Amino acid sequence: MTRVLVLVAPGEAPLPGLDDLPTTVELRTVSSESDLRRHLPQTDVLVVTDFRTDLLERCWPDEHRIRWVHATSAGVDALMFPALWDSDVLLTNARGVFDLGIAEYVLGAVLMHAKDSLGNLALQRQQRWQHRETALVARQRALVIGAGSIGSEVARLLSALDIEVIGIARTARSAEHFSRVLASEQLDGALPEADIVVITAPLTDATRGLINRDRLARMRSNALLVNVGRGAIVVTDDLVAALQTGQLGGAVLDVVDPEPLPEGHPLWDLPNVMLSAHMAGDFIGWRRALGEQFMANLQRWLADEPLLNIVNRGK
């Protein structure tokens, strides 16, 4: 018997798409700390949809039979506590499910900024008819920090608008949809040339605080920053200062640090900022897609075949 445990947030419905399980699989969904503690030691496969890192870390048993942990997200920073990260437990993620949704979000953000949609909405609320000129996105240059599957899909959509897209990755390489992909140490030289900077990178020791005061100062004063990666990649106080002083043209933030953004935080009221609640990739039907993706991998597990989307801990 293979015991699968699904950890969901309190009040969250069970993960859909986990249908037609074979009789050799026992599925259980938990959300409370007490239930998690009780069932983790007997679990073979853990599916995590609730990324309260401290909860899972607190409940992680010294003795267990867990062989595989699946994260229903592309980023796995919430699972990087030592007892799991340093173990031989297989770790997979939801790479691919969110790519198109996030890329469409970025596409919308770029067009919204170029056409000053925030300005239009502000004038509409004031019932003011004010003619303005707006920018063309064609022949602009975008810098995508994180040239993985999400970054590649962003590049594909932006390229369709005749935007040149340059990627930043751990190593330089050629890649479809990018005019070129530069190594991470070339970031400082690339920032001043970009009209648009998009963050799609995961949160790691190398990316935490990557966009700070010095790098914001390297960006063009009319540039747009779009963050669909992780909030902690950007130093929030430095970003607020750059936006308030006109050092940066605008920001579209699906992720922030801290998250959720506290009431009264300056980012709420800046006229050149759009915020969304960590939802860029959450299209209608996304939870079922996550369940079905896990089910496909579970079938491979039960057939003793290699799993898809294994996380490379070295990266």
C-alpha atoms as a PDB file:
ATOM      1  CA  MET A   1       0.000   0.000   0.000  1.00  0.00           C
ATOM      2  CA  THR A   2       1.314   3.434  -1.023  1.00  0.00           C
ATOM      3  CA  ARG A   3       0.137   6.132   1.360  1.00  0.00           C
ATOM      4  CA  VAL A   4      -0.228   9.605  -0.214  1.00  0.00           C
ATOM      5  CA  LEU A   5      -0.727  12.582   2.100  1.00  0.00           C
ATOM      6  CA  VAL A   6      -1.864  15.968   0.743  1.00  0.00           C
ATOM      7  CA  LEU A   7      -1.223  19.037   2.899  1.00  0.00           C
ATOM      8  CA  VAL A   8      -3.659  21.861   2.141  1.00  0.00           C
ATOM      9  CA  ALA A   9      -4.255  25.196   3.861  1.00  0.00           C
ATOM     10  CA  PRO A  10      -6.978  25.397   6.514  1.00  0.00           C
ATOM     11  CA  GLY A  11     -10.318  25.906   4.801  1.00  0.00           C
ATOM     12  CA  GLU A  12      -8.934  24.948   1.399  1.00  0.00           C
ATOM     13  CA  ALA A  13     -10.802  22.320  -0.588  1.00  0.00           C
ATOM     14  CA  PRO A  14      -9.056  19.025  -1.376  1.00  0.00           C
ATOM     15  CA  LEU A  15      -6.849  19.095  -4.436  1.00  0.00           C
ATOM     16  CA  PRO A  16      -9.006  18.170  -7.447  1.00  0.00           C
ATOM     17  CA  GLY A  17      -7.861  15.851 -10.218  1.00  0.00           C
ATOM     18  CA  LEU A  18      -6.855  12.998  -7.917  1.00  0.00           C
ATOM     19  CA  ASP A  19      -9.440  10.635  -9.352  1.00  0.00           C
ATOM     20  CA  ASP A  20      -9.434   6.926 -10.162  1.00  0.00           C
ATOM     21  CA  LEU A  21      -6.640   5.999  -7.816  1.00  0.00           C
ATOM     22  CA  PRO A  22      -5.677   2.327  -7.877  1.00  0.00           C
ATOM     23  CA  THR A  23      -6.653   0.243  -4.868  1.00  0.00           C
ATOM     24  CA  THR A  24      -2.980   0.061  -3.901  1.00  0.00           C
ATOM     25  CA  VAL A  25      -2.977   3.797  -3.069  1.00  0.00           C
ATOM     26  CA  GLU A  26      -4.424   5.293   0.105  1.00  0.00           C
ATOM     27  CA  LEU A  27      -5.061   9.059  -0.173  1.00  0.00           C
ATOM     28  CA  ARG A  28      -5.537  11.362   2.796  1.00  0.00           C
ATOM     29  CA  THR A  29      -5.857  15.169   2.926  1.00  0.00           C
ATOM     30  CA  VAL A  30      -4.864  17.118   6.046  1.00  0.00           C
ATOM     31  CA  SER A  31      -4.677  20.766   7.016  1.00  0.00           C
ATOM     32  CA  SER A  32      -4.168  20.875  10.790  1.00  0.00           C
ATOM     33  CA  GLU A  33      -0.880  20.514  12.629  1.00  0.00           C
ATOM     34  CA  SER A  34      -2.207  17.650  14.734  1.00  0.00           C
ATOM     35  CA  ASP A  35      -3.313  15.645  11.684  1.00  0.00           C
ATOM     36  CA  LEU A  36      -0.048  16.362   9.897  1.00  0.00           C
ATOM     37  CA  ARG A  37       1.974  15.138  12.867  1.00  0.00           C
ATOM     38  CA  ARG A  38      -0.153  12.011  13.157  1.00  0.00           C
ATOM     39  CA  HIS A  39       0.041  10.920   9.532  1.00  0.00           C
ATOM     40  CA  LEU A  40       3.477  12.061   8.309  1.00  0.00           C
ATOM     41  CA  PRO A  41       5.446   9.136   9.787  1.00  0.00           C
ATOM     42  CA  GLN A  42       3.311   6.616   7.844  1.00  0.00           C
ATOM     43  CA  THR A  43       3.402   8.597   4.575  1.00  0.00           C
ATOM     44  CA  ASP A  44       5.205   7.420   1.441  1.00  0.00           C
ATOM     45  CA  VAL A  45       4.401  10.393  -0.802  1.00  0.00           C
ATOM     46  CA  LEU A  46       3.696  13.930   0.430  1.00  0.00           C
ATOM     47  CA  VAL A  47       1.962  16.543  -1.734  1.00  0.00           C
ATOM     48  CA  VAL A  48       2.335  20.098  -0.434  1.00  0.00           C
ATOM     49  CA  THR A  49      -0.151  22.760  -1.505  1.00  0.00           C
ATOM     50  CA  ASP A  50       0.155  24.779   1.719  1.00  0.00           C
ATOM     51  CA  PHE A  51       3.580  26.365   1.950  1.00  0.00           C
ATOM     52  CA  ARG A  52       3.630  27.300   5.619  1.00  0.00           C
ATOM     53  CA  THR A  53       7.279  26.369   5.845  1.00  0.00           C
ATOM     54  CA  ASP A  54       7.477  26.482   9.620  1.00  0.00           C
ATOM     55  CA  LEU A  55       4.542  24.085   9.976  1.00  0.00           C
ATOM     56  CA  LEU A  56       6.028  21.362   7.813  1.00  0.00           C
ATOM     57  CA  GLU A  57       9.458  21.853   9.329  1.00  0.00           C
ATOM     58  CA  ARG A  58       8.029  21.670  12.858  1.00  0.00           C
ATOM     59  CA  CYS A  59       6.148  18.488  12.057  1.00  0.00           C
ATOM     60  CA  TRP A  60       8.855  16.730  10.054  1.00  0.00           C
ATOM     61  CA  PRO A  61       9.445  13.429  11.886  1.00  0.00           C
ATOM     62  CA  ASP A  62      12.848  12.053  12.804  1.00  0.00           C
ATOM     63  CA  GLU A  63      11.696   8.607  11.754  1.00  0.00           C
ATOM     64  CA  HIS A  64       9.568   8.303   8.617  1.00  0.00           C
ATOM     65  CA  ARG A  65       9.107   6.412   5.351  1.00  0.00           C
ATOM     66  CA  ILE A  66       8.647   9.456   3.057  1.00  0.00           C
ATOM     67  CA  ARG A  67      10.372   8.855  -0.259  1.00  0.00           C
ATOM     68  CA  TRP A  68       8.921  11.615  -2.435  1.00  0.00           C
ATOM     69  CA  VAL A  69       7.682  15.170  -1.784  1.00  0.00           C
ATOM     70  CA  HIS A  70       5.812  17.008  -4.529  1.00  0.00           C
ATOM     71  CA  ALA A  71       5.335  20.790  -4.431  1.00  0.00           C
ATOM     72  CA  THR A  72       2.342  22.214  -6.290  1.00  0.00           C
ATOM     73  CA  SER A  73       4.368  25.289  -7.227  1.00  0.00           C
ATOM     74  CA  ALA A  74       7.272  26.050  -9.510  1.00  0.00           C
ATOM     75  CA  GLY A  75       9.371  27.501  -6.685  1.00  0.00           C
ATOM     76  CA  VAL A  76      10.392  25.218  -3.829  1.00  0.00           C
ATOM     77  CA  ASP A  77      12.003  27.770  -1.515  1.00  0.00           C
ATOM     78  CA  ALA A  78       9.320  27.046   1.086  1.00  0.00           C
ATOM     79  CA  LEU A  79      10.586  23.455   1.328  1.00  0.00           C
ATOM     80  CA  MET A  80      14.246  24.280   1.755  1.00  0.00           C
ATOM     81  CA  PHE A  81      14.495  23.417   5.436  1.00  0.00           C
ATOM     82  CA  PRO A  82      17.517  21.240   6.274  1.00  0.00           C
ATOM     83  CA  ALA A  83      15.751  18.030   7.340  1.00  0.00           C
ATOM     84  CA  LEU A  84      14.132  17.746   3.907  1.00  0.00           C
ATOM     85  CA  TRP A  85      16.653  19.553   1.734  1.00  0.00           C
ATOM     86  CA  ASP A  86      19.632  17.570   2.976  1.00  0.00           C
ATOM     87  CA  SER A  87      17.843  14.213   2.813  1.00  0.00           C
ATOM     88  CA  ASP A  88      17.641  11.698  -0.031  1.00  0.00           C
ATOM     89  CA  VAL A  89      13.872  12.259  -0.383  1.00  0.00           C
ATOM     90  CA  LEU A  90      12.952  12.957  -4.013  1.00  0.00           C
ATOM     91  CA  LEU A  91      11.555  16.451  -4.584  1.00  0.00           C
ATOM     92  CA  THR A  92       9.462  17.426  -7.599  1.00  0.00           C
ATOM     93  CA  ASN A  93       7.651  20.619  -8.522  1.00  0.00           C
ATOM     94  CA  ALA A  94       4.834  21.863 -10.752  1.00  0.00           C
ATOM     95  CA  ARG A  95       7.089  23.184 -13.492  1.00  0.00           C
ATOM     96  CA  GLY A  96       5.108  23.866 -16.648  1.00  0.00           C
ATOM     97  CA  VAL A  97       1.620  24.306 -15.204  1.00  0.00           C
ATOM     98  CA  PHE A  98       1.969  28.041 -14.590  1.00  0.00           C
ATOM     99  CA  ASP A  99       4.188  29.046 -17.502  1.00  0.00           C
ATOM    100  CA  LEU A 100       1.564  30.371 -19.904  1.00  0.00           C
ATOM    101  CA  GLY A 101      -0.541  32.081 -17.235  1.00  0.00           C
ATOM    102  CA  ILE A 102       2.454  33.942 -15.850  1.00  0.00           C
ATOM    103  CA  ALA A 103       3.685  34.852 -19.328  1.00  0.00           C
ATOM    104  CA  GLU A 104       0.282  36.297 -20.212  1.00  0.00           C
ATOM    105  CA  TYR A 105       0.331  38.292 -16.976  1.00  0.00           C
ATOM    106  CA  VAL A 106       3.727  39.752 -17.901  1.00  0.00           C
ATOM    107  CA  LEU A 107       2.503  40.534 -21.408  1.00  0.00           C
ATOM    108  CA  GLY A 108      -0.465  42.405 -19.948  1.00  0.00           C
ATOM    109  CA  ALA A 109       1.801  44.271 -17.525  1.00  0.00           C
ATOM    110  CA  VAL A 110       4.087  45.433 -20.323  1.00  0.00           C
ATOM    111  CA  LEU A 111       1.187  46.682 -22.447  1.00  0.00           C
ATOM    112  CA  MET A 112      -0.517  48.299 -19.449  1.00  0.00           C
ATOM    113  CA  HIS A 113       2.623  50.251 -18.600  1.00  0.00           C
ATOM    114  CA  ALA A 114       3.345  51.310 -22.183  1.00  0.00           C
ATOM    115  CA  LYS A 115      -0.247  52.496 -22.718  1.00  0.00           C
ATOM    116  CA  ASP A 116      -0.448  54.125 -19.257  1.00  0.00           C
ATOM    117  CA  SER A 117      -3.524  52.161 -18.271  1.00  0.00           C
ATOM    118  CA  LEU A 118      -3.046  53.116 -14.616  1.00  0.00           C
ATOM    119  CA  GLY A 119      -3.150  56.751 -15.674  1.00  0.00           C
ATOM    120  CA  ASN A 120      -6.307  56.134 -17.710  1.00  0.00           C
ATOM    121  CA  LEU A 121      -8.045  54.537 -14.735  1.00  0.00           C
ATOM    122  CA  ALA A 122      -7.011  57.353 -12.411  1.00  0.00           C
ATOM    123  CA  LEU A 123      -8.334  59.984 -14.841  1.00  0.00           C
ATOM    124  CA  GLN A 124     -11.549  58.013 -15.336  1.00  0.00           C
ATOM    125  CA  ARG A 125     -12.183  57.995 -11.577  1.00  0.00           C
ATOM    126  CA  GLN A 126     -11.697  61.784 -11.632  1.00  0.00           C
ATOM    127  CA  GLN A 127     -13.997  62.071 -14.688  1.00  0.00           C
ATOM    128  CA  ARG A 128     -11.243  63.921 -16.539  1.00  0.00           C
ATOM    129  CA  TRP A 129     -10.856  63.734 -20.329  1.00  0.00           C
ATOM    130  CA  GLN A 130      -7.120  64.238 -20.856  1.00  0.00           C
ATOM    131  CA  HIS A 131      -5.381  63.378 -24.095  1.00  0.00           C
ATOM    132  CA  ARG A 132      -1.874  61.938 -23.811  1.00  0.00           C
ATOM    133  CA  GLU A 133       0.699  60.122 -25.910  1.00  0.00           C
ATOM    134  CA  THR A 134       1.880  56.665 -24.939  1.00  0.00           C
ATOM    135  CA  ALA A 135       4.791  54.445 -25.863  1.00  0.00           C
ATOM    136  CA  LEU A 136       5.141  51.719 -28.453  1.00  0.00           C
ATOM    137  CA  VAL A 137       6.448  48.419 -27.132  1.00  0.00           C
ATOM    138  CA  ALA A 138       7.810  47.322 -30.498  1.00  0.00           C
ATOM    139  CA  ARG A 139      11.597  47.478 -30.631  1.00  0.00           C
ATOM    140  CA  GLN A 140      11.923  47.849 -26.876  1.00  0.00           C
ATOM    141  CA  ARG A 141      14.320  45.582 -25.000  1.00  0.00           C
ATOM    142  CA  ALA A 142      13.319  43.279 -22.170  1.00  0.00           C
ATOM    143  CA  LEU A 143      15.673  41.627 -19.716  1.00  0.00           C
ATOM    144  CA  VAL A 144      14.271  38.421 -18.189  1.00  0.00           C
ATOM    145  CA  ILE A 145      16.063  37.372 -15.005  1.00  0.00           C
ATOM    146  CA  GLY A 146      15.548  33.618 -14.927  1.00  0.00           C
ATOM    147  CA  ALA A 147      15.660  31.919 -18.319  1.00  0.00           C
ATOM    148  CA  GLY A 148      13.922  28.701 -17.285  1.00  0.00           C
ATOM    149  CA  SER A 149      10.568  27.406 -18.500  1.00  0.00           C
ATOM    150  CA  ILE A 150       8.593  30.426 -17.230  1.00  0.00           C
ATOM    151  CA  GLY A 151      11.149  32.904 -18.526  1.00  0.00           C
ATOM    152  CA  SER A 152      11.177  31.158 -21.897  1.00  0.00           C
ATOM    153  CA  GLU A 153       7.401  31.440 -22.216  1.00  0.00           C
ATOM    154  CA  VAL A 154       7.606  35.124 -21.261  1.00  0.00           C
ATOM    155  CA  ALA A 155      10.218  35.592 -23.964  1.00  0.00           C
ATOM    156  CA  ARG A 156       8.023  33.837 -26.533  1.00  0.00           C
ATOM    157  CA  LEU A 157       5.065  36.143 -25.948  1.00  0.00           C
ATOM    158  CA  LEU A 158       7.101  39.349 -25.720  1.00  0.00           C
ATOM    159  CA  SER A 159       8.987  38.463 -28.901  1.00  0.00           C
ATOM    160  CA  ALA A 160       5.657  38.361 -30.737  1.00  0.00           C
ATOM    161  CA  LEU A 161       5.376  42.110 -30.034  1.00  0.00           C
ATOM    162  CA  ASP A 162       8.776  42.723 -31.662  1.00  0.00           C
ATOM    163  CA  ILE A 163      10.436  43.171 -28.277  1.00  0.00           C
ATOM    164  CA  GLU A 164      14.031  42.004 -28.089  1.00  0.00           C
ATOM    165  CA  VAL A 165      14.333  39.651 -25.127  1.00  0.00           C
ATOM    166  CA  ILE A 166      17.615  38.970 -23.352  1.00  0.00           C
ATOM    167  CA  GLY A 167      17.813  36.327 -20.645  1.00  0.00           C
ATOM    168  CA  ILE A 168      19.870  36.069 -17.482  1.00  0.00           C
ATOM    169  CA  ALA A 169      20.775  32.577 -16.267  1.00  0.00           C
ATOM    170  CA  ARG A 170      23.487  30.897 -14.232  1.00  0.00           C
ATOM    171  CA  THR A 171      25.540  30.393 -17.393  1.00  0.00           C
ATOM    172  CA  ALA A 172      25.471  32.014 -20.820  1.00  0.00           C
ATOM    173  CA  ARG A 173      23.901  30.004 -23.599  1.00  0.00           C
ATOM    174  CA  SER A 174      21.723  30.213 -26.684  1.00  0.00           C
ATOM    175  CA  ALA A 175      18.011  29.550 -26.148  1.00  0.00           C
ATOM    176  CA  GLU A 176      14.866  29.702 -28.216  1.00  0.00           C
ATOM    177  CA  HIS A 177      12.890  32.990 -28.020  1.00  0.00           C
ATOM    178  CA  PHE A 178      15.850  34.905 -26.507  1.00  0.00           C
ATOM    179  CA  SER A 179      18.167  37.013 -28.632  1.00  0.00           C
ATOM    180  CA  ARG A 180      20.824  35.802 -26.191  1.00  0.00           C
ATOM    181  CA  VAL A 181      21.130  34.493 -22.658  1.00  0.00           C
ATOM    182  CA  LEU A 182      23.799  36.068 -20.491  1.00  0.00           C
ATOM    183  CA  ALA A 183      25.501  34.671 -17.403  1.00  0.00           C
ATOM    184  CA  SER A 184      24.366  35.989 -14.022  1.00  0.00           C
ATOM    185  CA  GLU A 185      27.593  37.949 -13.535  1.00  0.00           C
ATOM    186  CA  GLN A 186      26.662  40.017 -16.617  1.00  0.00           C
ATOM    187  CA  LEU A 187      23.475  41.351 -14.996  1.00  0.00           C
ATOM    188  CA  ASP A 188      24.922  44.720 -13.962  1.00  0.00           C
ATOM    189  CA  GLY A 189      26.031  45.484 -17.487  1.00  0.00           C
ATOM    190  CA  ALA A 190      22.682  44.477 -18.993  1.00  0.00           C
ATOM    191  CA  LEU A 191      20.392  46.453 -16.681  1.00  0.00           C
ATOM    192  CA  PRO A 192      21.076  49.923 -18.165  1.00  0.00           C
ATOM    193  CA  GLU A 193      20.095  48.676 -21.633  1.00  0.00           C
ATOM    194  CA  ALA A 194      16.669  47.334 -20.669  1.00  0.00           C
ATOM    195  CA  ASP A 195      13.327  49.102 -21.019  1.00  0.00           C
ATOM    196  CA  ILE A 196      11.632  46.232 -19.175  1.00  0.00           C
ATOM    197  CA  VAL A 197      13.087  44.010 -16.439  1.00  0.00           C
ATOM    198  CA  VAL A 198      11.129  40.845 -15.648  1.00  0.00           C
ATOM    199  CA  ILE A 199      11.976  38.611 -12.682  1.00  0.00           C
ATOM    200  CA  THR A 200      11.010  34.966 -13.157  1.00  0.00           C
ATOM    201  CA  ALA A 201      13.856  33.449 -11.135  1.00  0.00           C
ATOM    202  CA  PRO A 202      13.322  31.240  -8.080  1.00  0.00           C
ATOM    203  CA  LEU A 203      14.348  32.396  -4.619  1.00  0.00           C
ATOM    204  CA  THR A 204      17.786  31.015  -3.728  1.00  0.00           C
ATOM    205  CA  ASP A 205      20.758  32.263  -1.757  1.00  0.00           C
ATOM    206  CA  ALA A 206      22.052  33.751  -5.018  1.00  0.00           C
ATOM    207  CA  THR A 207      18.849  35.640  -5.880  1.00  0.00           C
ATOM    208  CA  ARG A 208      17.733  36.871  -2.445  1.00  0.00           C
ATOM    209  CA  GLY A 209      18.068  40.663  -2.467  1.00  0.00           C
ATOM    210  CA  LEU A 210      19.394  40.572  -6.040  1.00  0.00           C
ATOM    211  CA  ILE A 211      17.552  43.747  -7.060  1.00  0.00           C
ATOM    212  CA  ASN A 212      18.778  46.267  -4.540  1.00  0.00           C
ATOM    213  CA  ARG A 213      19.521  49.985  -4.416  1.00  0.00           C
ATOM    214  CA  ASP A 214      22.653  49.709  -6.553  1.00  0.00           C
ATOM    215  CA  ARG A 215      20.990  47.644  -9.275  1.00  0.00           C
ATOM    216  CA  LEU A 216      17.870  49.811  -9.295  1.00  0.00           C
ATOM    217  CA  ALA A 217      20.175  52.799  -9.843  1.00  0.00           C
ATOM    218  CA  ARG A 218      21.573  51.061 -12.927  1.00  0.00           C
ATOM    219  CA  MET A 219      18.123  50.809 -14.521  1.00  0.00           C
ATOM    220  CA  ARG A 220      16.682  53.418 -16.847  1.00  0.00           C
ATOM    221  CA  SER A 221      14.525  56.060 -15.186  1.00  0.00           C
ATOM    222  CA  ASN A 222      11.568  55.119 -17.412  1.00  0.00           C
ATOM    223  CA  ALA A 223      12.051  51.351 -17.077  1.00  0.00           C
ATOM    224  CA  LEU A 224       9.372  48.939 -15.879  1.00  0.00           C
ATOM    225  CA  LEU A 225      10.114  46.268 -13.272  1.00  0.00           C
ATOM    226  CA  VAL A 226       7.840  43.199 -13.283  1.00  0.00           C
ATOM    227  CA  ASN A 227       8.264  40.667 -10.488  1.00  0.00           C
ATOM    228  CA  VAL A 228       6.532  37.307 -10.896  1.00  0.00           C
ATOM    229  CA  GLY A 229       9.317  35.364  -9.165  1.00  0.00           C
ATOM    230  CA  ARG A 230       9.568  35.834  -5.405  1.00  0.00           C
ATOM    231  CA  GLY A 231       9.176  39.015  -3.396  1.00  0.00           C
ATOM    232  CA  ALA A 232      12.453  38.649  -1.514  1.00  0.00           C
ATOM    233  CA  ILE A 233      14.443  38.861  -4.760  1.00  0.00           C
ATOM    234  CA  VAL A 234      13.761  42.608  -4.592  1.00  0.00           C
ATOM    235  CA  VAL A 235      14.745  44.737  -1.585  1.00  0.00           C
ATOM    236  CA  THR A 236      11.368  46.356  -0.945  1.00  0.00           C
ATOM    237  CA  ASP A 237      12.573  49.523   0.779  1.00  0.00           C
ATOM    238  CA  ASP A 238      15.038  50.174  -2.032  1.00  0.00           C
ATOM    239  CA  LEU A 239      12.278  49.685  -4.611  1.00  0.00           C
ATOM    240  CA  VAL A 240       9.940  52.108  -2.818  1.00  0.00           C
ATOM    241  CA  ALA A 241      12.673  54.736  -2.729  1.00  0.00           C
ATOM    242  CA  ALA A 242      13.413  54.302  -6.450  1.00  0.00           C
ATOM    243  CA  LEU A 243       9.733  54.639  -7.349  1.00  0.00           C
ATOM    244  CA  GLN A 244       9.142  57.640  -5.104  1.00  0.00           C
ATOM    245  CA  THR A 245      12.127  59.579  -6.435  1.00  0.00           C
ATOM    246  CA  GLY A 246      11.452  58.878 -10.125  1.00  0.00           C
ATOM    247  CA  GLN A 247      14.531  56.681 -10.410  1.00  0.00           C
ATOM    248  CA  LEU A 248      12.286  53.949 -11.869  1.00  0.00           C
ATOM    249  CA  GLY A 249       9.352  54.323 -14.244  1.00  0.00           C
ATOM    250  CA  GLY A 250       7.000  51.792 -12.660  1.00  0.00           C
ATOM    251  CA  ALA A 251       6.555  48.368 -11.174  1.00  0.00           C
ATOM    252  CA  VAL A 252       4.084  45.516 -11.536  1.00  0.00           C
ATOM    253  CA  LEU A 253       4.382  43.221  -8.536  1.00  0.00           C
ATOM    254  CA  ASP A 254       2.631  39.893  -8.214  1.00  0.00           C
ATOM    255  CA  VAL A 255       4.947  39.010  -5.328  1.00  0.00           C
ATOM    256  CA  VAL A 256       6.245  41.261  -2.574  1.00  0.00           C
ATOM    257  CA  ASP A 257       8.278  41.093   0.601  1.00  0.00           C
ATOM    258  CA  PRO A 258       6.633  40.868   3.085  1.00  0.00           C
ATOM    259  CA  GLU A 259       3.687  38.941   1.744  1.00  0.00           C
ATOM    260  CA  PRO A 260       0.856  39.703   2.139  1.00  0.00           C
ATOM    261  CA  LEU A 261       1.700  43.388   1.978  1.00  0.00           C
ATOM    262  CA  PRO A 262       0.741  45.084   5.267  1.00  0.00           C
ATOM    263  CA  GLU A 263      -1.996  47.686   5.391  1.00  0.00           C
ATOM    264  CA  GLY A 264      -0.575  51.175   5.070  1.00  0.00           C
ATOM    265  CA  HIS A 265       2.563  50.098   3.191  1.00  0.00           C
ATOM    266  CA  PRO A 266       3.757  52.777   0.700  1.00  0.00           C
ATOM    267  CA  LEU A 267       3.479  50.408  -2.271  1.00  0.00           C
ATOM    268  CA  TRP A 268      -0.315  50.399  -1.977  1.00  0.00           C
ATOM    269  CA  ASP A 269      -0.634  54.053  -2.929  1.00  0.00           C
ATOM    270  CA  LEU A 270       2.145  54.690  -5.426  1.00  0.00           C
ATOM    271  CA  PRO A 271       0.541  55.775  -8.730  1.00  0.00           C
ATOM    272  CA  ASN A 272       3.114  53.925 -10.862  1.00  0.00           C
ATOM    273  CA  VAL A 273       2.625  50.528  -9.180  1.00  0.00           C
ATOM    274  CA  MET A 274       0.184  47.702  -9.784  1.00  0.00           C
ATOM    275  CA  LEU A 275      -0.088  44.960  -7.181  1.00  0.00           C
ATOM    276  CA  SER A 276      -1.696  41.534  -7.386  1.00  0.00           C
ATOM    277  CA  ALA A 277      -1.986  38.858  -4.722  1.00  0.00           C
ATOM    278  CA  HIS A 278       0.549  36.235  -5.900  1.00  0.00           C
ATOM    279  CA  MET A 279      -1.884  35.057  -8.558  1.00  0.00           C
ATOM    280  CA  ALA A 280      -0.149  35.634 -11.897  1.00  0.00           C
ATOM    281  CA  GLY A 281      -0.202  31.965 -12.849  1.00  0.00           C
ATOM    282  CA  ASP A 282      -3.516  31.021 -11.266  1.00  0.00           C
ATOM    283  CA  PHE A 283      -5.775  30.589 -14.284  1.00  0.00           C
ATOM    284  CA  ILE A 284      -9.292  29.189 -14.034  1.00  0.00           C
ATOM    285  CA  GLY A 285      -8.828  25.458 -13.490  1.00  0.00           C
ATOM    286  CA  TRP A 286      -5.260  25.683 -12.195  1.00  0.00           C
ATOM    287  CA  ARG A 287      -5.829  23.518  -9.114  1.00  0.00           C
ATOM    288  CA  ARG A 288      -7.217  20.663 -11.199  1.00  0.00           C
ATOM    289  CA  ALA A 289      -4.278  20.990 -13.568  1.00  0.00           C
ATOM    290  CA  LEU A 290      -1.950  20.638 -10.586  1.00  0.00           C
ATOM    291  CA  GLY A 291      -3.786  17.533  -9.396  1.00  0.00           C
ATOM    292  CA  GLU A 292      -3.689  15.956 -12.826  1.00  0.00           C
ATOM    293  CA  GLN A 293       0.019  16.714 -13.174  1.00  0.00           C
ATOM    294  CA  PHE A 294       0.708  14.961  -9.864  1.00  0.00           C
ATOM    295  CA  MET A 295      -1.475  12.015 -10.880  1.00  0.00           C
ATOM    296  CA  ALA A 296       0.541  11.548 -14.080  1.00  0.00           C
ATOM    297  CA  ASN A 297       3.746  11.495 -12.043  1.00  0.00           C
ATOM    298  CA  LEU A 298       2.194   9.135  -9.487  1.00  0.00           C
ATOM    299  CA  GLN A 299       1.475   6.666 -12.266  1.00  0.00           C
ATOM    300  CA  ARG A 300       5.166   6.798 -13.171  1.00  0.00           C
ATOM    301  CA  TRP A 301       6.058   6.256  -9.511  1.00  0.00           C
ATOM    302  CA  LEU A 302       3.824   3.221  -9.212  1.00  0.00           C
ATOM    303  CA  ALA A 303       5.286   1.802 -12.437  1.00  0.00           C
ATOM    304  CA  ASP A 304       8.816   2.384 -11.101  1.00  0.00           C
ATOM    305  CA  GLU A 305       9.558   4.835 -13.919  1.00  0.00           C
ATOM    306  CA  PRO A 306      11.651   8.019 -13.575  1.00  0.00           C
ATOM    307  CA  LEU A 307       9.701  10.979 -12.209  1.00  0.00           C
ATOM    308  CA  LEU A 308       9.255  14.202 -14.158  1.00  0.00           C
ATOM    309  CA  ASN A 309      10.178  17.642 -12.774  1.00  0.00           C
ATOM    310  CA  ILE A 310      12.742  16.452 -10.256  1.00  0.00           C
ATOM    311  CA  VAL A 311      14.220  19.519  -8.549  1.00  0.00           C
ATOM    312  CA  ASN A 312      17.943  19.953  -8.982  1.00  0.00           C
ATOM    313  CA  ARG A 313      19.046  20.756  -5.429  1.00  0.00           C
ATOM    314  CA  GLY A 314      22.432  21.940  -6.682  1.00  0.00           C
ATOM    315  CA  LYS A 315      20.759  24.853  -8.449  1.00  0.00           C
END
